[in-house]
Amino acid sequence: MSGLRSAAARRLVQVVSAPWLSRLTRRLADARLPPLLLRAAIRAYGRLYRVDWSEVRDPIGSFETFNAVFVPRLRAGARPIARGPEVVTSPCDARLSAWGPVPEDGRLEQVKGKTYPLEALLGSAEEAEQFRAGVYATLYLSPSMYHRVHSPVDGRIRCWRYLPGRLFPVNDLALPNVEGLFTRNERVAVFLDTEAFGRVAVVLVGATNVGRISLAFTDLVTNVGRGSPRTEPAAPISIARGDDLGAFNLGSTVVLLVADRSLRPAAAGERVRMGQALWRRP
């Protein structure tokens, strides 16, 4: 019976990960609905997921599309940024689903009992080698959370890499049933150089219904199921801790990698907010 349930679960996640479904959701989220209907939909969503509108800078009446719910501008001070040269902050509001030293075999935890290779996540064995002696964190953004991603460090953006793929859901149904899920979903990896911690990578991983990932420092906007892998060098671009890095619509996952293994956890509990200290050098 358990084998039948697993087979049914695998079939279901295959169906919902079809690119056309996420493209349809994207079009609906970007549709210009009548204002009364749009506000009603936004308020219903807020009640369902307990969204804290008091943190949002602009009134919901100013939102032009439903997608604005996920990437609003926050009020000043809503996300204090932890300061100090020895601190790495959380790039987003999230639930910490896995974090710690990168294992010696270079395989990161997807879910208990399942792992995936770091080089497949980054699309480069050379880049993966930079983090073999580092630390990582997997940060899950639920539909109720703020969906902008910010720089966790002061540094320079060296390059970014786009890796097309499916959009499997990132949930308790899919994680145990899709091998290498984070290496098969569409994703964008941003690589930064820092003086304090060496190389840093922020990997924005798409999921079902996340029909768009955008970067704040370039004109990249992904279109699920379309496009080819590509790597783009940056200027390099200087960036400060807390600056905009990119954004999702709907929920998804960020995998954060830091080359410095001397870092120690600074967060307590599994929920973190953007700007909160995640690691600290002892």
C-alpha atoms as a PDB file:
ATOM      1  CA  MET A   1       0.000   0.000   0.000  1.00  0.00           C
ATOM      2  CA  SER A   2       2.827   2.445   0.823  1.00  0.00           C
ATOM      3  CA  GLY A   3       4.300   1.736  -2.631  1.00  0.00           C
ATOM      4  CA  LEU A   4       1.012   2.690  -4.275  1.00  0.00           C
ATOM      5  CA  ARG A   5       0.833   5.898  -2.247  1.00  0.00           C
ATOM      6  CA  SER A   6       4.380   6.813  -3.251  1.00  0.00           C
ATOM      7  CA  ALA A   7       3.630   6.132  -6.916  1.00  0.00           C
ATOM      8  CA  ALA A   8       0.491   8.274  -6.726  1.00  0.00           C
ATOM      9  CA  ALA A   9       2.449  11.078  -5.033  1.00  0.00           C
ATOM     10  CA  ARG A  10       5.133  10.987  -7.721  1.00  0.00           C
ATOM     11  CA  ARG A  11       2.504  11.124 -10.449  1.00  0.00           C
ATOM     12  CA  LEU A  12       0.759  14.064  -8.797  1.00  0.00           C
ATOM     13  CA  VAL A  13       3.924  16.149  -8.459  1.00  0.00           C
ATOM     14  CA  GLN A  14       4.758  15.426 -12.110  1.00  0.00           C
ATOM     15  CA  VAL A  15       1.349  16.769 -13.150  1.00  0.00           C
ATOM     16  CA  VAL A  16       1.466  19.971 -11.070  1.00  0.00           C
ATOM     17  CA  SER A  17       5.058  20.726 -12.167  1.00  0.00           C
ATOM     18  CA  ALA A  18       4.077  21.082 -15.823  1.00  0.00           C
ATOM     19  CA  PRO A  19       5.465  24.403 -17.138  1.00  0.00           C
ATOM     20  CA  TRP A  20       2.144  25.455 -18.704  1.00  0.00           C
ATOM     21  CA  LEU A  21       0.448  25.418 -15.293  1.00  0.00           C
ATOM     22  CA  SER A  22       2.944  27.842 -13.766  1.00  0.00           C
ATOM     23  CA  ARG A  23       2.812  30.073 -16.858  1.00  0.00           C
ATOM     24  CA  LEU A  24      -0.969  30.213 -16.492  1.00  0.00           C
ATOM     25  CA  THR A  25      -0.664  31.156 -12.808  1.00  0.00           C
ATOM     26  CA  ARG A  26       1.822  33.847 -13.764  1.00  0.00           C
ATOM     27  CA  ARG A  27      -0.593  35.371 -16.285  1.00  0.00           C
ATOM     28  CA  LEU A  28      -3.409  35.358 -13.739  1.00  0.00           C
ATOM     29  CA  ALA A  29      -1.177  36.968 -11.077  1.00  0.00           C
ATOM     30  CA  ASP A  30      -0.215  39.712 -13.552  1.00  0.00           C
ATOM     31  CA  ALA A  31      -3.744  40.316 -14.853  1.00  0.00           C
ATOM     32  CA  ARG A  32      -5.216  43.813 -14.394  1.00  0.00           C
ATOM     33  CA  LEU A  33      -8.427  42.890 -12.579  1.00  0.00           C
ATOM     34  CA  PRO A  34     -11.238  45.344 -11.714  1.00  0.00           C
ATOM     35  CA  PRO A  35     -10.094  47.173  -8.539  1.00  0.00           C
ATOM     36  CA  LEU A  36     -12.956  45.900  -6.332  1.00  0.00           C
ATOM     37  CA  LEU A  37     -12.338  42.300  -7.365  1.00  0.00           C
ATOM     38  CA  LEU A  38      -8.569  42.631  -6.935  1.00  0.00           C
ATOM     39  CA  ARG A  39      -8.859  44.122  -3.430  1.00  0.00           C
ATOM     40  CA  ALA A  40     -11.328  41.406  -2.404  1.00  0.00           C
ATOM     41  CA  ALA A  41      -8.938  38.703  -3.652  1.00  0.00           C
ATOM     42  CA  ILE A  42      -5.999  40.288  -1.838  1.00  0.00           C
ATOM     43  CA  ARG A  43      -7.908  40.599   1.441  1.00  0.00           C
ATOM     44  CA  ALA A  44      -9.110  36.980   1.174  1.00  0.00           C
ATOM     45  CA  TYR A  45      -5.547  35.828   0.578  1.00  0.00           C
ATOM     46  CA  GLY A  46      -4.344  37.886   3.532  1.00  0.00           C
ATOM     47  CA  ARG A  47      -6.922  36.299   5.843  1.00  0.00           C
ATOM     48  CA  LEU A  48      -6.117  32.792   4.616  1.00  0.00           C
ATOM     49  CA  TYR A  49      -2.361  33.139   5.135  1.00  0.00           C
ATOM     50  CA  ARG A  50      -2.434  35.702   7.978  1.00  0.00           C
ATOM     51  CA  VAL A  51      -0.428  38.305   6.113  1.00  0.00           C
ATOM     52  CA  ASP A  52       0.710  41.221   8.303  1.00  0.00           C
ATOM     53  CA  TRP A  53      -0.289  44.246   6.216  1.00  0.00           C
ATOM     54  CA  SER A  54       1.033  46.640   8.875  1.00  0.00           C
ATOM     55  CA  GLU A  55       4.568  45.936   7.609  1.00  0.00           C
ATOM     56  CA  VAL A  56       3.726  46.956   4.044  1.00  0.00           C
ATOM     57  CA  ARG A  57       4.603  50.499   2.976  1.00  0.00           C
ATOM     58  CA  ASP A  58       1.858  51.082   0.414  1.00  0.00           C
ATOM     59  CA  PRO A  59      -1.907  50.492   0.893  1.00  0.00           C
ATOM     60  CA  ILE A  60      -3.315  47.435  -0.860  1.00  0.00           C
ATOM     61  CA  GLY A  61      -5.587  49.764  -2.807  1.00  0.00           C
ATOM     62  CA  SER A  62      -2.483  50.877  -4.735  1.00  0.00           C
ATOM     63  CA  PHE A  63      -1.664  47.321  -5.895  1.00  0.00           C
ATOM     64  CA  GLU A  64      -2.251  46.983  -9.633  1.00  0.00           C
ATOM     65  CA  THR A  65      -1.984  43.181  -9.822  1.00  0.00           C
ATOM     66  CA  PHE A  66      -2.285  40.232  -7.458  1.00  0.00           C
ATOM     67  CA  ASN A  67       1.452  39.582  -7.817  1.00  0.00           C
ATOM     68  CA  ALA A  68       2.119  42.800  -5.868  1.00  0.00           C
ATOM     69  CA  VAL A  69       1.051  40.888  -2.729  1.00  0.00           C
ATOM     70  CA  PHE A  70       4.294  38.907  -2.824  1.00  0.00           C
ATOM     71  CA  VAL A  71       6.832  41.638  -3.565  1.00  0.00           C
ATOM     72  CA  PRO A  72       5.636  44.763  -1.742  1.00  0.00           C
ATOM     73  CA  ARG A  73       7.948  47.427  -0.397  1.00  0.00           C
ATOM     74  CA  LEU A  74       8.109  47.255   3.403  1.00  0.00           C
ATOM     75  CA  ARG A  75       7.887  50.126   5.841  1.00  0.00           C
ATOM     76  CA  ALA A  76      11.192  51.589   7.013  1.00  0.00           C
ATOM     77  CA  GLY A  77      12.471  49.550   9.955  1.00  0.00           C
ATOM     78  CA  ALA A  78      10.193  46.555   9.318  1.00  0.00           C
ATOM     79  CA  ARG A  79      13.282  44.378   8.765  1.00  0.00           C
ATOM     80  CA  PRO A  80      16.251  45.656  10.806  1.00  0.00           C
ATOM     81  CA  ILE A  81      19.551  44.552   9.269  1.00  0.00           C
ATOM     82  CA  ALA A  82      22.039  43.009  11.705  1.00  0.00           C
ATOM     83  CA  ARG A  83      25.310  44.931  11.492  1.00  0.00           C
ATOM     84  CA  GLY A  84      28.951  44.092  12.056  1.00  0.00           C
ATOM     85  CA  PRO A  85      31.665  42.764   9.743  1.00  0.00           C
ATOM     86  CA  GLU A  86      31.495  39.246  11.242  1.00  0.00           C
ATOM     87  CA  VAL A  87      27.790  38.622  10.496  1.00  0.00           C
ATOM     88  CA  VAL A  88      25.984  36.859   7.630  1.00  0.00           C
ATOM     89  CA  THR A  89      22.270  37.696   7.592  1.00  0.00           C
ATOM     90  CA  SER A  90      19.253  35.828   6.289  1.00  0.00           C
ATOM     91  CA  PRO A  91      18.528  36.905   2.699  1.00  0.00           C
ATOM     92  CA  CYS A  92      14.771  36.438   3.139  1.00  0.00           C
ATOM     93  CA  ASP A  93      11.883  35.680   5.459  1.00  0.00           C
ATOM     94  CA  ALA A  94      11.896  31.893   5.663  1.00  0.00           C
ATOM     95  CA  ARG A  95      11.732  28.622   7.518  1.00  0.00           C
ATOM     96  CA  LEU A  96      15.139  27.006   7.928  1.00  0.00           C
ATOM     97  CA  SER A  97      14.622  23.487   6.621  1.00  0.00           C
ATOM     98  CA  ALA A  98      18.321  22.493   6.683  1.00  0.00           C
ATOM     99  CA  TRP A  99      21.589  24.182   7.605  1.00  0.00           C
ATOM    100  CA  GLY A 100      25.089  23.431   8.790  1.00  0.00           C
ATOM    101  CA  PRO A 101      28.532  22.588   7.376  1.00  0.00           C
ATOM    102  CA  VAL A 102      28.663  21.373   3.778  1.00  0.00           C
ATOM    103  CA  PRO A 103      29.220  17.578   4.068  1.00  0.00           C
ATOM    104  CA  GLU A 104      32.563  16.204   2.912  1.00  0.00           C
ATOM    105  CA  ASP A 105      30.909  14.388   0.008  1.00  0.00           C
ATOM    106  CA  GLY A 106      29.377  17.668  -1.209  1.00  0.00           C
ATOM    107  CA  ARG A 107      25.802  16.362  -0.945  1.00  0.00           C
ATOM    108  CA  LEU A 108      23.304  18.723   0.707  1.00  0.00           C
ATOM    109  CA  GLU A 109      20.185  17.649   2.578  1.00  0.00           C
ATOM    110  CA  GLN A 110      16.937  17.855   0.614  1.00  0.00           C
ATOM    111  CA  VAL A 111      14.837  16.122   3.235  1.00  0.00           C
ATOM    112  CA  LYS A 112      15.734  13.550   5.883  1.00  0.00           C
ATOM    113  CA  GLY A 113      17.168  10.533   4.050  1.00  0.00           C
ATOM    114  CA  LYS A 114      17.567  12.305   0.684  1.00  0.00           C
ATOM    115  CA  THR A 115      20.460  14.429  -0.542  1.00  0.00           C
ATOM    116  CA  TYR A 116      21.586  16.069  -3.785  1.00  0.00           C
ATOM    117  CA  PRO A 117      24.989  17.102  -5.212  1.00  0.00           C
ATOM    118  CA  LEU A 118      26.119  20.674  -4.734  1.00  0.00           C
ATOM    119  CA  GLU A 119      27.678  20.829  -8.210  1.00  0.00           C
ATOM    120  CA  ALA A 120      24.320  19.940  -9.802  1.00  0.00           C
ATOM    121  CA  LEU A 121      22.616  22.738  -7.839  1.00  0.00           C
ATOM    122  CA  LEU A 122      25.163  25.317  -9.027  1.00  0.00           C
ATOM    123  CA  GLY A 123      25.592  23.875 -12.517  1.00  0.00           C
ATOM    124  CA  SER A 124      29.382  23.925 -12.091  1.00  0.00           C
ATOM    125  CA  ALA A 125      31.890  21.574 -10.457  1.00  0.00           C
ATOM    126  CA  GLU A 126      34.384  24.461 -10.305  1.00  0.00           C
ATOM    127  CA  GLU A 127      31.988  26.709  -8.381  1.00  0.00           C
ATOM    128  CA  ALA A 128      30.942  23.829  -6.097  1.00  0.00           C
ATOM    129  CA  GLU A 129      34.576  23.287  -5.109  1.00  0.00           C
ATOM    130  CA  GLN A 130      34.652  26.798  -3.619  1.00  0.00           C
ATOM    131  CA  PHE A 131      32.101  25.726  -0.976  1.00  0.00           C
ATOM    132  CA  ARG A 132      33.371  22.241  -0.067  1.00  0.00           C
ATOM    133  CA  ALA A 133      34.710  23.562   3.242  1.00  0.00           C
ATOM    134  CA  GLY A 134      31.872  26.021   3.847  1.00  0.00           C
ATOM    135  CA  VAL A 135      28.377  26.199   5.326  1.00  0.00           C
ATOM    136  CA  TYR A 136      24.913  26.162   3.796  1.00  0.00           C
ATOM    137  CA  ALA A 137      21.296  26.943   4.649  1.00  0.00           C
ATOM    138  CA  THR A 138      18.085  25.956   2.875  1.00  0.00           C
ATOM    139  CA  LEU A 139      15.424  28.623   3.394  1.00  0.00           C
ATOM    140  CA  TYR A 140      11.817  27.904   2.476  1.00  0.00           C
ATOM    141  CA  LEU A 141       9.505  30.849   1.722  1.00  0.00           C
ATOM    142  CA  SER A 142       5.851  30.021   2.378  1.00  0.00           C
ATOM    143  CA  PRO A 143       3.025  31.773   0.476  1.00  0.00           C
ATOM    144  CA  SER A 144       2.407  34.046   3.480  1.00  0.00           C
ATOM    145  CA  MET A 145       5.944  35.459   3.513  1.00  0.00           C
ATOM    146  CA  TYR A 146       7.622  38.503   2.001  1.00  0.00           C
ATOM    147  CA  HIS A 147       9.151  37.323  -1.288  1.00  0.00           C
ATOM    148  CA  ARG A 148      11.999  39.691  -1.987  1.00  0.00           C
ATOM    149  CA  VAL A 149      15.513  38.305  -1.574  1.00  0.00           C
ATOM    150  CA  HIS A 150      18.293  40.541  -0.259  1.00  0.00           C
ATOM    151  CA  SER A 151      22.055  40.348  -0.056  1.00  0.00           C
ATOM    152  CA  PRO A 152      23.233  38.561   3.116  1.00  0.00           C
ATOM    153  CA  VAL A 153      26.687  40.204   3.011  1.00  0.00           C
ATOM    154  CA  ASP A 154      28.663  43.235   1.928  1.00  0.00           C
ATOM    155  CA  GLY A 155      30.535  42.364  -1.242  1.00  0.00           C
ATOM    156  CA  ARG A 156      30.599  42.369  -5.038  1.00  0.00           C
ATOM    157  CA  ILE A 157      28.379  40.429  -7.430  1.00  0.00           C
ATOM    158  CA  ARG A 158      30.811  38.536  -9.647  1.00  0.00           C
ATOM    159  CA  CYS A 159      28.374  36.712 -11.929  1.00  0.00           C
ATOM    160  CA  TRP A 160      25.039  34.916 -12.076  1.00  0.00           C
ATOM    161  CA  ARG A 161      23.918  31.671 -13.691  1.00  0.00           C
ATOM    162  CA  TYR A 162      20.457  30.764 -15.007  1.00  0.00           C
ATOM    163  CA  LEU A 163      19.551  27.053 -15.021  1.00  0.00           C
ATOM    164  CA  PRO A 164      16.177  26.199 -16.612  1.00  0.00           C
ATOM    165  CA  GLY A 165      14.132  23.252 -15.407  1.00  0.00           C
ATOM    166  CA  ARG A 166      10.797  22.023 -14.081  1.00  0.00           C
ATOM    167  CA  LEU A 167       8.836  23.598 -11.239  1.00  0.00           C
ATOM    168  CA  PHE A 168       8.178  20.772  -8.805  1.00  0.00           C
ATOM    169  CA  PRO A 169       6.406  21.867  -5.619  1.00  0.00           C
ATOM    170  CA  VAL A 170       8.650  22.302  -2.582  1.00  0.00           C
ATOM    171  CA  ASN A 171       6.488  20.662   0.074  1.00  0.00           C
ATOM    172  CA  ASP A 172       6.115  17.550   2.215  1.00  0.00           C
ATOM    173  CA  LEU A 173       4.603  15.651  -0.722  1.00  0.00           C
ATOM    174  CA  ALA A 174       7.309  16.379  -3.291  1.00  0.00           C
ATOM    175  CA  LEU A 175      10.519  16.518  -1.233  1.00  0.00           C
ATOM    176  CA  PRO A 176      10.543  12.787  -0.335  1.00  0.00           C
ATOM    177  CA  ASN A 177       9.375  11.717  -3.809  1.00  0.00           C
ATOM    178  CA  VAL A 178      11.440  13.755  -6.298  1.00  0.00           C
ATOM    179  CA  GLU A 179      15.125  12.853  -6.473  1.00  0.00           C
ATOM    180  CA  GLY A 180      17.354  15.931  -6.610  1.00  0.00           C
ATOM    181  CA  LEU A 181      14.384  18.302  -6.619  1.00  0.00           C
ATOM    182  CA  PHE A 182      16.459  21.464  -6.103  1.00  0.00           C
ATOM    183  CA  THR A 183      18.758  20.443  -8.965  1.00  0.00           C
ATOM    184  CA  ARG A 184      15.830  19.828 -11.342  1.00  0.00           C
ATOM    185  CA  ASN A 185      13.773  22.971 -10.703  1.00  0.00           C
ATOM    186  CA  GLU A 186      14.394  26.220 -12.542  1.00  0.00           C
ATOM    187  CA  ARG A 187      16.857  28.351 -10.584  1.00  0.00           C
ATOM    188  CA  VAL A 188      19.198  31.332 -10.640  1.00  0.00           C
ATOM    189  CA  ALA A 189      22.512  31.290  -8.760  1.00  0.00           C
ATOM    190  CA  VAL A 190      24.130  34.623  -7.858  1.00  0.00           C
ATOM    191  CA  PHE A 191      27.835  34.489  -6.926  1.00  0.00           C
ATOM    192  CA  LEU A 192      29.410  37.150  -4.715  1.00  0.00           C
ATOM    193  CA  ASP A 193      32.963  37.831  -3.573  1.00  0.00           C
ATOM    194  CA  THR A 194      33.473  39.163  -0.054  1.00  0.00           C
ATOM    195  CA  GLU A 195      36.508  40.222   1.968  1.00  0.00           C
ATOM    196  CA  ALA A 196      35.065  38.847   5.203  1.00  0.00           C
ATOM    197  CA  PHE A 197      33.826  35.380   4.163  1.00  0.00           C
ATOM    198  CA  GLY A 198      35.288  34.555   0.740  1.00  0.00           C
ATOM    199  CA  ARG A 199      32.871  33.290  -1.919  1.00  0.00           C
ATOM    200  CA  VAL A 200      29.091  33.444  -1.281  1.00  0.00           C
ATOM    201  CA  ALA A 201      26.307  32.001  -3.445  1.00  0.00           C
ATOM    202  CA  VAL A 202      22.602  32.817  -3.223  1.00  0.00           C
ATOM    203  CA  VAL A 203      20.547  30.301  -5.224  1.00  0.00           C
ATOM    204  CA  LEU A 204      16.917  31.236  -5.960  1.00  0.00           C
ATOM    205  CA  VAL A 205      15.061  27.985  -6.660  1.00  0.00           C
ATOM    206  CA  GLY A 206      11.668  28.111  -8.348  1.00  0.00           C
ATOM    207  CA  ALA A 207       8.671  25.947  -7.422  1.00  0.00           C
ATOM    208  CA  THR A 208       5.191  25.166  -8.728  1.00  0.00           C
ATOM    209  CA  ASN A 209       3.370  28.397  -9.640  1.00  0.00           C
ATOM    210  CA  VAL A 210       6.538  30.491  -9.246  1.00  0.00           C
ATOM    211  CA  GLY A 211       6.421  31.517 -12.872  1.00  0.00           C
ATOM    212  CA  ARG A 212       9.008  34.241 -12.528  1.00  0.00           C
ATOM    213  CA  ILE A 213      12.321  34.889 -10.799  1.00  0.00           C
ATOM    214  CA  SER A 214      13.792  38.348 -11.302  1.00  0.00           C
ATOM    215  CA  LEU A 215      17.126  39.902 -10.349  1.00  0.00           C
ATOM    216  CA  ALA A 216      17.374  43.467  -9.081  1.00  0.00           C
ATOM    217  CA  PHE A 217      20.728  44.278 -10.710  1.00  0.00           C
ATOM    218  CA  THR A 218      20.005  43.087 -14.270  1.00  0.00           C
ATOM    219  CA  ASP A 219      17.057  42.648 -16.611  1.00  0.00           C
ATOM    220  CA  LEU A 220      16.751  38.877 -16.076  1.00  0.00           C
ATOM    221  CA  VAL A 221      13.151  37.674 -15.719  1.00  0.00           C
ATOM    222  CA  THR A 222      12.807  33.898 -16.034  1.00  0.00           C
ATOM    223  CA  ASN A 223      10.101  32.252 -18.111  1.00  0.00           C
ATOM    224  CA  VAL A 224       9.611  28.710 -16.848  1.00  0.00           C
ATOM    225  CA  GLY A 225      10.217  25.898 -19.315  1.00  0.00           C
ATOM    226  CA  ARG A 226      11.880  28.215 -21.822  1.00  0.00           C
ATOM    227  CA  GLY A 227      15.402  29.449 -22.351  1.00  0.00           C
ATOM    228  CA  SER A 228      18.861  27.865 -22.176  1.00  0.00           C
ATOM    229  CA  PRO A 229      21.433  27.659 -19.371  1.00  0.00           C
ATOM    230  CA  ARG A 230      23.665  30.695 -19.340  1.00  0.00           C
ATOM    231  CA  THR A 231      26.215  32.424 -17.162  1.00  0.00           C
ATOM    232  CA  GLU A 232      26.534  36.196 -17.171  1.00  0.00           C
ATOM    233  CA  PRO A 233      29.488  38.088 -15.673  1.00  0.00           C
ATOM    234  CA  ALA A 234      28.756  41.150 -13.577  1.00  0.00           C
ATOM    235  CA  ALA A 235      30.670  44.480 -13.683  1.00  0.00           C
ATOM    236  CA  PRO A 236      31.448  43.566 -10.730  1.00  0.00           C
ATOM    237  CA  ILE A 237      28.615  45.259  -8.872  1.00  0.00           C
ATOM    238  CA  SER A 238      29.092  46.405  -5.287  1.00  0.00           C
ATOM    239  CA  ILE A 239      26.256  45.408  -2.962  1.00  0.00           C
ATOM    240  CA  ALA A 240      25.607  45.983   0.734  1.00  0.00           C
ATOM    241  CA  ARG A 241      23.992  43.681   3.253  1.00  0.00           C
ATOM    242  CA  GLY A 242      20.215  44.127   2.984  1.00  0.00           C
ATOM    243  CA  ASP A 243      20.227  45.498  -0.585  1.00  0.00           C
ATOM    244  CA  ASP A 244      17.721  44.041  -3.074  1.00  0.00           C
ATOM    245  CA  LEU A 245      19.061  40.972  -4.874  1.00  0.00           C
ATOM    246  CA  GLY A 246      15.993  39.423  -6.504  1.00  0.00           C
ATOM    247  CA  ALA A 247      12.389  38.326  -6.068  1.00  0.00           C
ATOM    248  CA  PHE A 248       9.925  35.457  -6.515  1.00  0.00           C
ATOM    249  CA  ASN A 249       6.212  35.503  -7.057  1.00  0.00           C
ATOM    250  CA  LEU A 250       4.393  33.019  -4.810  1.00  0.00           C
ATOM    251  CA  GLY A 251       6.503  30.785  -2.536  1.00  0.00           C
ATOM    252  CA  SER A 252       9.821  29.068  -3.138  1.00  0.00           C
ATOM    253  CA  THR A 253      13.288  28.314  -1.717  1.00  0.00           C
ATOM    254  CA  VAL A 254      16.689  29.959  -1.349  1.00  0.00           C
ATOM    255  CA  VAL A 255      19.860  27.915  -0.831  1.00  0.00           C
ATOM    256  CA  LEU A 256      22.608  30.063   0.711  1.00  0.00           C
ATOM    257  CA  LEU A 257      26.256  28.972   0.573  1.00  0.00           C
ATOM    258  CA  VAL A 258      29.216  30.632   2.318  1.00  0.00           C
ATOM    259  CA  ALA A 259      32.803  29.447   1.842  1.00  0.00           C
ATOM    260  CA  ASP A 260      33.873  30.301   5.428  1.00  0.00           C
ATOM    261  CA  ARG A 261      33.473  27.183   7.612  1.00  0.00           C
ATOM    262  CA  SER A 262      34.475  29.039  10.801  1.00  0.00           C
ATOM    263  CA  LEU A 263      31.001  30.627  10.976  1.00  0.00           C
ATOM    264  CA  ARG A 264      28.742  29.616  13.856  1.00  0.00           C
ATOM    265  CA  PRO A 265      24.909  29.714  14.031  1.00  0.00           C
ATOM    266  CA  ALA A 266      23.450  32.991  15.291  1.00  0.00           C
ATOM    267  CA  ALA A 267      19.740  32.209  14.809  1.00  0.00           C
ATOM    268  CA  ALA A 268      17.537  30.342  17.300  1.00  0.00           C
ATOM    269  CA  GLY A 269      14.541  28.349  16.053  1.00  0.00           C
ATOM    270  CA  GLU A 270      13.612  27.510  12.503  1.00  0.00           C
ATOM    271  CA  ARG A 271      11.860  30.754  11.503  1.00  0.00           C
ATOM    272  CA  VAL A 272      14.058  33.659  10.408  1.00  0.00           C
ATOM    273  CA  ARG A 273      13.405  37.090   8.975  1.00  0.00           C
ATOM    274  CA  MET A 274      15.289  38.970   6.309  1.00  0.00           C
ATOM    275  CA  GLY A 275      18.186  40.860   7.882  1.00  0.00           C
ATOM    276  CA  GLN A 276      18.383  38.676  10.995  1.00  0.00           C
ATOM    277  CA  ALA A 277      21.847  37.349  11.881  1.00  0.00           C
ATOM    278  CA  LEU A 278      22.112  33.808  10.528  1.00  0.00           C
ATOM    279  CA  TRP A 279      25.803  33.080  11.127  1.00  0.00           C
ATOM    280  CA  ARG A 280      28.477  34.875  13.083  1.00  0.00           C
ATOM    281  CA  ARG A 281      32.225  34.436  13.193  1.00  0.00           C
ATOM    282  CA  PRO A 282      33.269  33.438  16.756  1.00  0.00           C
END
